[in-house]
Protein backbone atom coordinates (compact mmCIF):
# COMPACT_ATOMS: atom_id res chain seq x y z
CA MET A 1 90.99 111.62 111.62
CA ASN A 2 87.28 111.60 111.25
CA TYR A 3 85.21 110.76 108.17
CA HIS A 4 81.58 111.36 107.13
CA LYS A 5 80.85 108.56 104.64
CA TYR A 6 82.31 105.70 103.23
CA TYR A 7 80.84 104.37 99.92
CA PRO A 8 82.06 100.64 99.31
CA VAL A 9 80.68 100.87 95.66
CA ASP A 10 80.57 104.26 94.04
CA VAL A 11 80.43 105.27 90.25
CA VAL A 12 80.21 108.97 90.53
CA ASN A 13 83.44 110.19 92.28
CA GLY A 14 86.18 109.26 89.65
CA PRO A 15 86.44 106.77 86.88
CA GLY A 16 84.94 103.44 86.94
CA THR A 17 83.61 101.56 90.07
CA ARG A 18 85.37 102.73 93.05
CA CYS A 19 85.38 102.98 96.89
CA SER A 20 85.08 106.47 98.21
CA LEU A 21 85.90 108.12 101.46
CA PHE A 22 84.65 111.37 102.53
CA VAL A 23 86.86 112.72 105.33
CA SER A 24 86.16 115.45 107.87
CA GLY A 25 87.82 118.85 108.16
CA CYS A 26 88.31 121.64 105.62
CA VAL A 27 89.77 125.02 106.35
CA HIS A 28 88.67 126.35 102.79
CA GLN A 29 85.03 126.50 103.55
CA CYS A 30 84.27 127.39 99.89
CA ARG A 31 81.05 129.31 99.29
CA GLY A 32 78.50 126.94 97.57
CA CYS A 33 80.10 123.85 98.83
CA TYR A 34 77.82 120.78 98.50
CA ASN A 35 79.58 119.08 101.46
CA GLN A 36 79.49 121.77 104.37
CA SER A 37 78.65 119.14 106.93
CA THR A 38 82.36 118.00 106.42
CA TRP A 39 83.98 121.14 107.41
CA SER A 40 84.63 120.45 111.11
CA LEU A 41 87.49 118.27 111.85
CA ASP A 42 85.29 116.83 114.88
CA SER A 43 82.30 116.01 112.77
CA GLY A 44 81.44 112.59 111.57
CA PHE A 45 82.98 109.37 112.96
CA PRO A 46 86.36 108.15 114.14
CA PHE A 47 88.37 106.50 111.32
CA THR A 48 89.18 103.19 112.70
CA GLN A 49 91.45 100.31 111.80
CA GLU A 50 88.45 98.29 111.22
CA LEU A 51 87.32 100.63 108.58
CA GLU A 52 90.81 100.91 106.81
CA ASP A 53 90.76 96.87 106.79
CA HIS A 54 87.33 97.13 105.28
CA ILE A 55 88.48 99.45 102.39
CA ILE A 56 91.43 97.16 101.63
CA ALA A 57 88.91 94.17 101.59
CA ASP A 58 86.61 95.91 99.35
CA LEU A 59 89.34 97.01 96.83
CA GLN A 60 90.45 93.30 96.82
CA ASP A 61 87.09 91.97 96.14
CA THR A 62 86.84 89.86 93.08
CA GLU A 63 83.04 89.77 92.73
CA ILE A 64 82.64 93.56 92.75
CA LYS A 65 85.80 94.92 90.89
CA ARG A 66 86.87 98.34 91.68
CA GLN A 67 89.22 100.61 89.71
CA GLY A 68 90.37 102.52 92.72
CA LEU A 69 89.81 104.62 95.77
CA THR A 70 88.50 108.14 95.87
CA LEU A 71 89.46 110.56 98.94
CA SER A 72 87.44 113.51 99.23
CA GLY A 73 85.68 115.38 101.99
CA GLY A 74 86.32 117.68 103.84
CA ASP A 75 89.72 117.79 102.67
CA PRO A 76 91.99 114.63 102.75
CA LEU A 77 95.13 117.00 102.76
CA HIS A 78 94.01 119.00 105.91
CA PRO A 79 97.22 118.72 108.01
CA GLN A 80 95.56 116.72 110.74
CA ASN A 81 94.46 114.20 108.36
CA ILE A 82 97.76 113.63 106.76
CA PRO A 83 98.93 110.77 109.01
CA ALA A 84 95.70 108.60 108.61
CA ILE A 85 95.48 109.35 104.79
CA LEU A 86 99.24 108.61 104.22
CA GLN A 87 98.86 105.33 106.13
CA LEU A 88 96.00 104.41 104.00
CA VAL A 89 97.41 105.43 100.58
CA LYS A 90 100.57 103.56 101.45
CA ARG A 91 98.47 100.50 102.34
CA VAL A 92 96.44 100.60 99.22
CA LYS A 93 99.54 100.72 97.04
CA ASN A 94 101.35 97.81 98.86
CA GLU A 95 98.15 95.65 99.06
CA CYS A 96 96.04 96.56 96.32
CA PRO A 97 98.18 96.49 93.06
CA GLY A 98 96.79 98.03 90.05
CA LYS A 99 94.15 100.22 91.92
CA ASP A 100 94.31 103.88 91.46
CA ILE A 101 94.01 106.54 93.91
CA TRP A 102 92.16 109.91 93.33
CA VAL A 103 92.32 112.81 95.90
CA TRP A 104 90.33 116.11 95.84
CA THR A 105 91.70 118.94 97.86
CA GLY A 106 91.09 122.69 98.25
CA TYR A 107 94.87 123.41 98.28
CA LEU A 108 96.84 124.18 95.29
CA MET A 109 99.49 121.62 94.34
CA SER A 110 101.97 124.50 94.46
CA GLU A 111 101.23 125.47 98.03
CA LEU A 112 101.43 121.99 99.53
CA THR A 113 103.74 121.33 102.61
CA PRO A 114 106.20 118.66 102.46
CA GLU A 115 103.86 116.28 104.47
CA GLN A 116 101.15 116.90 102.10
CA GLN A 117 103.35 116.39 99.14
CA GLU A 118 104.52 112.96 100.43
CA VAL A 119 100.82 111.69 99.99
CA LEU A 120 101.17 112.69 96.26
CA GLU A 121 104.00 110.01 96.03
CA TYR A 122 101.23 107.30 96.34
CA ILE A 123 98.40 108.76 94.27
CA ASN A 124 97.45 108.75 90.79
CA VAL A 125 95.42 111.93 90.32
CA LEU A 126 95.10 115.16 92.29
CA VAL A 127 92.24 117.47 91.69
CA ASP A 128 93.28 120.81 93.42
CA GLY A 129 91.91 124.17 94.10
CA LYS A 130 89.10 125.65 96.01
CA PHE A 131 85.50 125.34 94.73
CA VAL A 132 84.64 128.99 93.29
CA GLN A 133 80.86 129.37 92.84
CA ASP A 134 81.19 132.10 90.21
CA LEU A 135 83.19 129.58 88.03
CA ALA A 136 80.84 126.43 88.58
CA ASP A 137 80.24 124.49 85.59
CA PRO A 138 78.24 121.36 85.62
CA ALA A 139 79.74 120.29 82.13
CA LEU A 140 83.27 119.91 83.72
CA ILE A 141 84.30 116.36 84.32
CA TRP A 142 85.85 115.55 87.89
CA ARG A 143 85.76 119.10 89.05
CA GLY A 144 83.13 121.66 90.15
CA SER A 145 84.55 125.00 89.01
CA SER A 146 86.88 125.96 86.14
CA ASN A 147 89.82 126.99 88.37
CA GLN A 148 90.23 123.53 89.55
CA VAL A 149 92.75 121.36 87.74
CA VAL A 150 93.17 117.57 87.58
CA HIS A 151 96.62 116.57 87.96
CA LYS A 152 97.54 113.10 86.31
CA LEU A 153 100.65 112.23 88.42
CA ARG A 154 101.03 108.64 87.16
């Protein structure tokens, strides 16, 4: 998996202070997407064990307390991203108790493959649906267009 940006302290992409990872690869390529540079699977930088360890350490930091981890992109649920994303969310749940995990995806929850659904077992919130420019509304919380749904899983 590749990624474009990791923010160790983020207060925009989910509730509270968070760590946010923007991964590469998106098949949806929504018109009006603000993150078009993340569409290609080959763009960005390789996601390494070192970065994964860094994310865990940041989530465990007691000086700057984080509420959780945000995964966006690109699309964290792109089929080629699933192995690395699954490893990361499992590790966060095991090593960072009490931290929540939010995932943004262009896929609808109802159309997820079994492999994509496995990720849902470890996350707290899924924001699903493609960004639709004609339904864009800046007043919406945690989503860009009104067709997208915030699913509170746990």
